[in-house]
Amino acid sequence: MTKEEWIWVAIRIFGIYLVVLAIMAVPGILSSSFMAYNWYGYSPTFGSNSSDTAQIIDKMGSKLFNVQLSELVAGLCKVLLFGGLGIYFLRSGKFVFRLISGARGCRAPTLQAAEPESDGQDAHL
């Protein structure tokens, strides 16, 4: 294998790695979204004589909602960034290839069909 082919292999492997990271962030997004939904608008209904407890629980609910919302946004950013870059590396990655190889106008290696060998008898037909 040539140097260019090894570079393409490395780019593709890194693309697979980034797509796997994006897929691994999906369960965190799902759990954060469900937890944020549970804590959104949490308003306990207690009696009038336990107003201090209700305020504490309400503050705790709003803080937990903010934490889950920030984890949800972080997970979405991971999926978008890692997934987008991973798909770019898997599909083309030409810009990165040019940066690494230092060559201009290089193209991705393609599979070429082998031409059948002629035994010289076809020349006079």
N, C-alpha and C. Protein backbone atom coordinates (compact mmCIF):
# COMPACT_ATOMS: atom_id res chain seq x y z
N MET A 1 0.84 -1.18 0.00
CA MET A 1 0.00 0.00 0.00
C MET A 1 0.88 1.24 0.00
N THR A 2 0.41 2.24 -0.68
CA THR A 2 1.17 3.48 -0.76
C THR A 2 0.84 4.36 0.44
N LYS A 3 1.59 5.44 0.53
CA LYS A 3 1.39 6.38 1.63
C LYS A 3 -0.02 6.98 1.58
N GLU A 4 -0.49 7.31 0.38
CA GLU A 4 -1.82 7.91 0.24
C GLU A 4 -2.91 6.94 0.69
N GLU A 5 -2.76 5.68 0.37
CA GLU A 5 -3.76 4.71 0.79
C GLU A 5 -3.78 4.54 2.31
N TRP A 6 -2.61 4.58 2.94
CA TRP A 6 -2.57 4.49 4.40
C TRP A 6 -3.22 5.71 5.03
N ILE A 7 -3.04 6.87 4.42
CA ILE A 7 -3.68 8.08 4.94
C ILE A 7 -5.20 7.94 4.86
N TRP A 8 -5.71 7.42 3.74
CA TRP A 8 -7.15 7.23 3.61
C TRP A 8 -7.67 6.22 4.63
N VAL A 9 -6.90 5.18 4.89
CA VAL A 9 -7.32 4.19 5.90
C VAL A 9 -7.41 4.86 7.27
N ALA A 10 -6.43 5.68 7.61
CA ALA A 10 -6.44 6.36 8.91
C ALA A 10 -7.63 7.33 9.00
N ILE A 11 -7.92 8.04 7.93
CA ILE A 11 -9.06 8.96 7.94
C ILE A 11 -10.36 8.20 8.12
N ARG A 12 -10.51 7.10 7.43
CA ARG A 12 -11.74 6.31 7.55
C ARG A 12 -11.89 5.71 8.95
N ILE A 13 -10.81 5.23 9.53
CA ILE A 13 -10.88 4.67 10.88
C ILE A 13 -11.25 5.74 11.90
N PHE A 14 -10.69 6.93 11.75
CA PHE A 14 -11.04 8.03 12.64
C PHE A 14 -12.51 8.42 12.45
N GLY A 15 -13.01 8.35 11.23
CA GLY A 15 -14.42 8.62 10.98
C GLY A 15 -15.32 7.62 11.68
N ILE A 16 -14.95 6.35 11.63
CA ILE A 16 -15.71 5.31 12.32
C ILE A 16 -15.70 5.56 13.83
N TYR A 17 -14.55 5.95 14.36
CA TYR A 17 -14.42 6.25 15.79
C TYR A 17 -15.36 7.39 16.19
N LEU A 18 -15.42 8.45 15.38
CA LEU A 18 -16.28 9.58 15.71
C LEU A 18 -17.76 9.21 15.61
N VAL A 19 -18.13 8.39 14.66
CA VAL A 19 -19.52 7.96 14.55
C VAL A 19 -19.90 7.10 15.75
N VAL A 20 -18.99 6.26 16.21
CA VAL A 20 -19.26 5.44 17.40
C VAL A 20 -19.44 6.34 18.63
N LEU A 21 -18.62 7.38 18.76
CA LEU A 21 -18.79 8.32 19.88
C LEU A 21 -20.15 9.02 19.82
N ALA A 22 -20.57 9.37 18.61
CA ALA A 22 -21.88 10.01 18.47
C ALA A 22 -23.00 9.06 18.86
N ILE A 23 -22.88 7.81 18.48
CA ILE A 23 -23.91 6.82 18.82
C ILE A 23 -23.93 6.58 20.33
N MET A 24 -22.76 6.59 20.95
CA MET A 24 -22.69 6.37 22.40
C MET A 24 -23.28 7.54 23.19
N ALA A 25 -23.40 8.71 22.59
CA ALA A 25 -23.99 9.86 23.28
C ALA A 25 -25.51 9.85 23.25
N VAL A 26 -26.11 9.01 22.41
CA VAL A 26 -27.58 8.99 22.28
C VAL A 26 -28.27 8.56 23.57
N PRO A 27 -27.83 7.52 24.28
CA PRO A 27 -28.52 7.18 25.54
C PRO A 27 -28.48 8.30 26.57
N GLY A 28 -27.40 9.06 26.61
CA GLY A 28 -27.33 10.20 27.52
C GLY A 28 -28.34 11.28 27.16
N ILE A 29 -28.55 11.47 25.86
CA ILE A 29 -29.56 12.44 25.42
C ILE A 29 -30.95 11.99 25.84
N LEU A 30 -31.22 10.71 25.63
CA LEU A 30 -32.55 10.20 25.98
C LEU A 30 -32.81 10.31 27.49
N SER A 31 -31.83 9.91 28.30
CA SER A 31 -32.05 9.97 29.75
C SER A 31 -32.16 11.41 30.23
N SER A 32 -31.35 12.31 29.68
CA SER A 32 -31.43 13.71 30.09
C SER A 32 -32.77 14.33 29.68
N SER A 33 -33.26 13.95 28.50
CA SER A 33 -34.54 14.52 28.07
C SER A 33 -35.68 14.03 28.95
N PHE A 34 -35.67 12.75 29.31
CA PHE A 34 -36.72 12.24 30.19
C PHE A 34 -36.63 12.86 31.59
N MET A 35 -35.43 13.01 32.10
CA MET A 35 -35.29 13.62 33.43
C MET A 35 -35.67 15.09 33.42
N ALA A 36 -35.30 15.81 32.36
CA ALA A 36 -35.68 17.22 32.27
C ALA A 36 -37.20 17.35 32.17
N TYR A 37 -37.82 16.42 31.42
CA TYR A 37 -39.28 16.44 31.32
C TYR A 37 -39.93 16.19 32.68
N ASN A 38 -39.34 15.29 33.48
CA ASN A 38 -39.89 15.00 34.80
C ASN A 38 -39.75 16.19 35.75
N TRP A 39 -38.66 16.92 35.67
CA TRP A 39 -38.44 18.02 36.60
C TRP A 39 -39.01 19.34 36.11
N TYR A 40 -39.44 19.41 34.85
CA TYR A 40 -39.98 20.65 34.32
C TYR A 40 -41.31 20.96 35.01
N GLY A 41 -41.40 22.14 35.53
CA GLY A 41 -42.64 22.58 36.17
C GLY A 41 -42.99 21.81 37.41
N TYR A 42 -41.98 21.22 38.06
CA TYR A 42 -42.25 20.44 39.27
C TYR A 42 -42.73 21.38 40.36
N SER A 43 -43.91 21.17 40.80
CA SER A 43 -44.50 22.01 41.83
C SER A 43 -45.24 21.12 42.82
N PRO A 44 -44.61 20.85 43.95
CA PRO A 44 -45.25 19.96 44.90
C PRO A 44 -46.48 20.60 45.54
N THR A 45 -47.43 19.80 45.89
CA THR A 45 -48.63 20.30 46.55
C THR A 45 -48.62 19.83 48.00
N PHE A 46 -48.15 20.70 48.85
CA PHE A 46 -48.12 20.40 50.28
C PHE A 46 -49.11 21.30 50.98
N GLY A 47 -49.35 20.98 52.21
CA GLY A 47 -50.26 21.81 53.01
C GLY A 47 -49.64 23.17 53.31
N SER A 48 -50.43 24.04 53.87
CA SER A 48 -49.97 25.40 54.13
C SER A 48 -48.95 25.45 55.27
N ASN A 49 -48.92 24.45 56.15
CA ASN A 49 -48.00 24.49 57.28
C ASN A 49 -46.61 23.94 56.92
N SER A 50 -46.39 23.49 55.69
CA SER A 50 -45.06 23.00 55.30
C SER A 50 -44.53 23.80 54.11
N SER A 51 -44.67 25.10 54.18
CA SER A 51 -44.28 25.95 53.05
C SER A 51 -42.76 25.99 52.87
N ASP A 52 -42.01 25.88 53.97
CA ASP A 52 -40.55 25.87 53.85
C ASP A 52 -40.08 24.62 53.08
N THR A 53 -40.67 23.51 53.38
CA THR A 53 -40.31 22.27 52.68
C THR A 53 -40.69 22.35 51.21
N ALA A 54 -41.84 22.95 50.92
CA ALA A 54 -42.26 23.08 49.53
C ALA A 54 -41.31 23.98 48.75
N GLN A 55 -40.83 25.04 49.38
CA GLN A 55 -39.89 25.95 48.71
C GLN A 55 -38.56 25.26 48.44
N ILE A 56 -38.10 24.48 49.41
CA ILE A 56 -36.83 23.76 49.24
C ILE A 56 -36.95 22.75 48.10
N ILE A 57 -38.04 22.01 48.08
CA ILE A 57 -38.23 21.01 47.02
C ILE A 57 -38.39 21.69 45.66
N ASP A 58 -39.06 22.83 45.64
CA ASP A 58 -39.22 23.56 44.39
C ASP A 58 -37.88 24.07 43.86
N LYS A 59 -37.03 24.57 44.75
CA LYS A 59 -35.69 25.01 44.34
C LYS A 59 -34.85 23.84 43.85
N MET A 60 -34.97 22.72 44.56
CA MET A 60 -34.23 21.53 44.15
C MET A 60 -34.69 21.06 42.77
N GLY A 61 -36.00 21.09 42.54
CA GLY A 61 -36.53 20.69 41.24
C GLY A 61 -36.05 21.59 40.12
N SER A 62 -35.99 22.89 40.36
CA SER A 62 -35.53 23.81 39.31
C SER A 62 -34.04 23.63 39.04
N LYS A 63 -33.26 23.37 40.08
CA LYS A 63 -31.83 23.14 39.86
C LYS A 63 -31.58 21.83 39.11
N LEU A 64 -32.31 20.79 39.47
CA LEU A 64 -32.17 19.53 38.76
C LEU A 64 -32.61 19.65 37.30
N PHE A 65 -33.63 20.45 37.05
CA PHE A 65 -34.05 20.69 35.67
C PHE A 65 -32.94 21.38 34.88
N ASN A 66 -32.30 22.37 35.49
CA ASN A 66 -31.21 23.08 34.81
C ASN A 66 -30.03 22.16 34.53
N VAL A 67 -29.71 21.27 35.47
CA VAL A 67 -28.61 20.32 35.27
C VAL A 67 -28.92 19.38 34.12
N GLN A 68 -30.14 18.83 34.12
CA GLN A 68 -30.51 17.90 33.05
C GLN A 68 -30.59 18.59 31.70
N LEU A 69 -31.03 19.84 31.69
CA LEU A 69 -31.10 20.58 30.44
C LEU A 69 -29.70 20.84 29.88
N SER A 70 -28.74 21.16 30.75
CA SER A 70 -27.37 21.37 30.27
C SER A 70 -26.75 20.07 29.78
N GLU A 71 -27.06 18.94 30.43
CA GLU A 71 -26.56 17.65 29.95
C GLU A 71 -27.20 17.29 28.61
N LEU A 72 -28.45 17.66 28.42
CA LEU A 72 -29.13 17.41 27.16
C LEU A 72 -28.48 18.20 26.03
N VAL A 73 -28.18 19.46 26.28
CA VAL A 73 -27.54 20.30 25.27
C VAL A 73 -26.13 19.79 24.96
N ALA A 74 -25.40 19.37 25.98
CA ALA A 74 -24.06 18.84 25.75
C ALA A 74 -24.10 17.55 24.92
N GLY A 75 -25.06 16.68 25.21
CA GLY A 75 -25.21 15.45 24.44
C GLY A 75 -25.58 15.72 22.99
N LEU A 76 -26.47 16.68 22.78
CA LEU A 76 -26.85 17.04 21.41
C LEU A 76 -25.66 17.61 20.63
N CYS A 77 -24.86 18.41 21.30
CA CYS A 77 -23.66 18.97 20.65
C CYS A 77 -22.69 17.85 20.27
N LYS A 78 -22.54 16.87 21.16
CA LYS A 78 -21.67 15.73 20.85
C LYS A 78 -22.15 14.98 19.62
N VAL A 79 -23.45 14.70 19.59
CA VAL A 79 -23.99 13.94 18.46
C VAL A 79 -23.82 14.72 17.16
N LEU A 80 -24.14 16.00 17.19
CA LEU A 80 -24.03 16.79 15.96
C LEU A 80 -22.58 16.95 15.51
N LEU A 81 -21.70 17.26 16.43
CA LEU A 81 -20.30 17.48 16.06
C LEU A 81 -19.61 16.18 15.67
N PHE A 82 -19.66 15.17 16.55
CA PHE A 82 -18.98 13.91 16.25
C PHE A 82 -19.62 13.20 15.05
N GLY A 83 -20.94 13.22 15.00
CA GLY A 83 -21.62 12.57 13.89
C GLY A 83 -21.33 13.25 12.56
N GLY A 84 -21.36 14.57 12.56
CA GLY A 84 -21.08 15.29 11.32
C GLY A 84 -19.66 15.09 10.83
N LEU A 85 -18.70 15.22 11.74
CA LEU A 85 -17.30 15.01 11.34
C LEU A 85 -17.04 13.56 10.95
N GLY A 86 -17.63 12.63 11.68
CA GLY A 86 -17.44 11.22 11.35
C GLY A 86 -17.98 10.88 9.98
N ILE A 87 -19.16 11.38 9.66
CA ILE A 87 -19.72 11.12 8.33
C ILE A 87 -18.89 11.79 7.26
N TYR A 88 -18.38 13.00 7.54
CA TYR A 88 -17.51 13.66 6.57
C TYR A 88 -16.25 12.83 6.31
N PHE A 89 -15.64 12.32 7.38
CA PHE A 89 -14.43 11.51 7.21
C PHE A 89 -14.72 10.20 6.48
N LEU A 90 -15.89 9.64 6.71
CA LEU A 90 -16.23 8.39 6.04
C LEU A 90 -16.59 8.59 4.57
N ARG A 91 -17.22 9.70 4.26
CA ARG A 91 -17.67 9.92 2.88
C ARG A 91 -16.60 10.54 2.00
N SER A 92 -15.92 11.58 2.48
CA SER A 92 -14.92 12.18 1.59
C SER A 92 -13.62 12.46 2.35
N GLY A 93 -13.60 13.45 3.20
CA GLY A 93 -12.40 13.77 3.96
C GLY A 93 -11.27 14.31 3.11
N LYS A 94 -11.60 14.89 1.95
CA LYS A 94 -10.56 15.34 1.02
C LYS A 94 -9.69 16.46 1.60
N PHE A 95 -10.32 17.38 2.32
CA PHE A 95 -9.55 18.49 2.89
C PHE A 95 -8.52 17.99 3.89
N VAL A 96 -8.93 17.06 4.74
CA VAL A 96 -8.00 16.50 5.74
C VAL A 96 -6.90 15.71 5.05
N PHE A 97 -7.26 14.99 3.99
CA PHE A 97 -6.26 14.23 3.25
C PHE A 97 -5.20 15.16 2.66
N ARG A 98 -5.64 16.28 2.09
CA ARG A 98 -4.67 17.23 1.53
C ARG A 98 -3.80 17.84 2.60
N LEU A 99 -4.36 18.08 3.79
CA LEU A 99 -3.55 18.62 4.89
C LEU A 99 -2.49 17.63 5.34
N ILE A 100 -2.88 16.37 5.46
CA ILE A 100 -1.95 15.36 5.97
C ILE A 100 -0.90 15.01 4.93
N SER A 101 -1.31 14.81 3.69
CA SER A 101 -0.37 14.35 2.68
C SER A 101 0.51 15.48 2.15
N GLY A 102 0.04 16.70 2.24
CA GLY A 102 0.82 17.83 1.74
C GLY A 102 0.83 17.92 0.23
N ALA A 103 -0.02 17.16 -0.43
CA ALA A 103 -0.06 17.16 -1.89
C ALA A 103 -1.31 17.89 -2.35
N ARG A 104 -1.20 18.51 -3.51
CA ARG A 104 -2.36 19.19 -4.08
C ARG A 104 -2.90 18.37 -5.23
N GLY A 105 -4.20 18.35 -5.33
CA GLY A 105 -4.84 17.65 -6.44
C GLY A 105 -4.85 16.14 -6.32
N CYS A 106 -4.56 15.60 -5.15
CA CYS A 106 -4.60 14.14 -4.97
C CYS A 106 -6.05 13.71 -4.83
N ARG A 107 -6.34 12.56 -5.34
CA ARG A 107 -7.70 12.03 -5.25
C ARG A 107 -7.68 10.75 -4.44
N ALA A 108 -8.87 10.37 -4.02
CA ALA A 108 -9.00 9.13 -3.25
C ALA A 108 -8.68 7.95 -4.15
N PRO A 109 -8.04 6.92 -3.60
CA PRO A 109 -7.75 5.75 -4.41
C PRO A 109 -9.05 5.05 -4.79
N THR A 110 -9.12 4.62 -6.04
CA THR A 110 -10.31 3.91 -6.51
C THR A 110 -9.91 2.53 -6.97
N LEU A 111 -10.86 1.64 -6.93
CA LEU A 111 -10.61 0.29 -7.42
C LEU A 111 -10.71 0.31 -8.94
N GLN A 112 -9.71 -0.20 -9.59
CA GLN A 112 -9.72 -0.25 -11.04
C GLN A 112 -9.94 -1.68 -11.49
N ALA A 113 -10.79 -1.82 -12.48
CA ALA A 113 -11.07 -3.15 -12.99
C ALA A 113 -9.86 -3.65 -13.77
N ALA A 114 -9.52 -4.89 -13.52
CA ALA A 114 -8.37 -5.48 -14.22
C ALA A 114 -8.75 -5.73 -15.68
N GLU A 115 -7.88 -5.30 -16.58
CA GLU A 115 -8.12 -5.52 -18.00
C GLU A 115 -7.68 -6.92 -18.37
N PRO A 116 -8.47 -7.62 -19.18
CA PRO A 116 -8.08 -8.98 -19.56
C PRO A 116 -6.84 -8.93 -20.45
N GLU A 117 -5.98 -9.88 -20.21
CA GLU A 117 -4.75 -9.93 -20.99
C GLU A 117 -5.06 -10.52 -22.37
N SER A 118 -4.46 -9.93 -23.39
CA SER A 118 -4.69 -10.44 -24.75
C SER A 118 -3.48 -11.31 -25.14
N ASP A 119 -3.76 -12.32 -25.91
CA ASP A 119 -2.69 -13.22 -26.33
C ASP A 119 -2.18 -12.89 -27.73
N GLY A 120 -2.58 -11.74 -28.25
CA GLY A 120 -2.11 -11.31 -29.56
C GLY A 120 -2.95 -11.77 -30.70
N GLN A 121 -3.88 -12.66 -30.49
CA GLN A 121 -4.72 -13.17 -31.58
C GLN A 121 -5.86 -12.21 -31.92
N ASP A 122 -6.23 -11.35 -30.98
CA ASP A 122 -7.32 -10.42 -31.22
C ASP A 122 -6.89 -9.24 -32.07
N ALA A 123 -5.61 -9.06 -32.29
CA ALA A 123 -5.11 -7.88 -33.01
C ALA A 123 -5.51 -7.88 -34.47
N HIS A 124 -5.64 -9.02 -35.11
CA HIS A 124 -5.94 -9.04 -36.52
C HIS A 124 -7.43 -9.12 -36.83
N LEU A 125 -8.30 -9.08 -35.81
CA LEU A 125 -9.74 -9.13 -36.06
C LEU A 125 -10.26 -7.81 -36.40
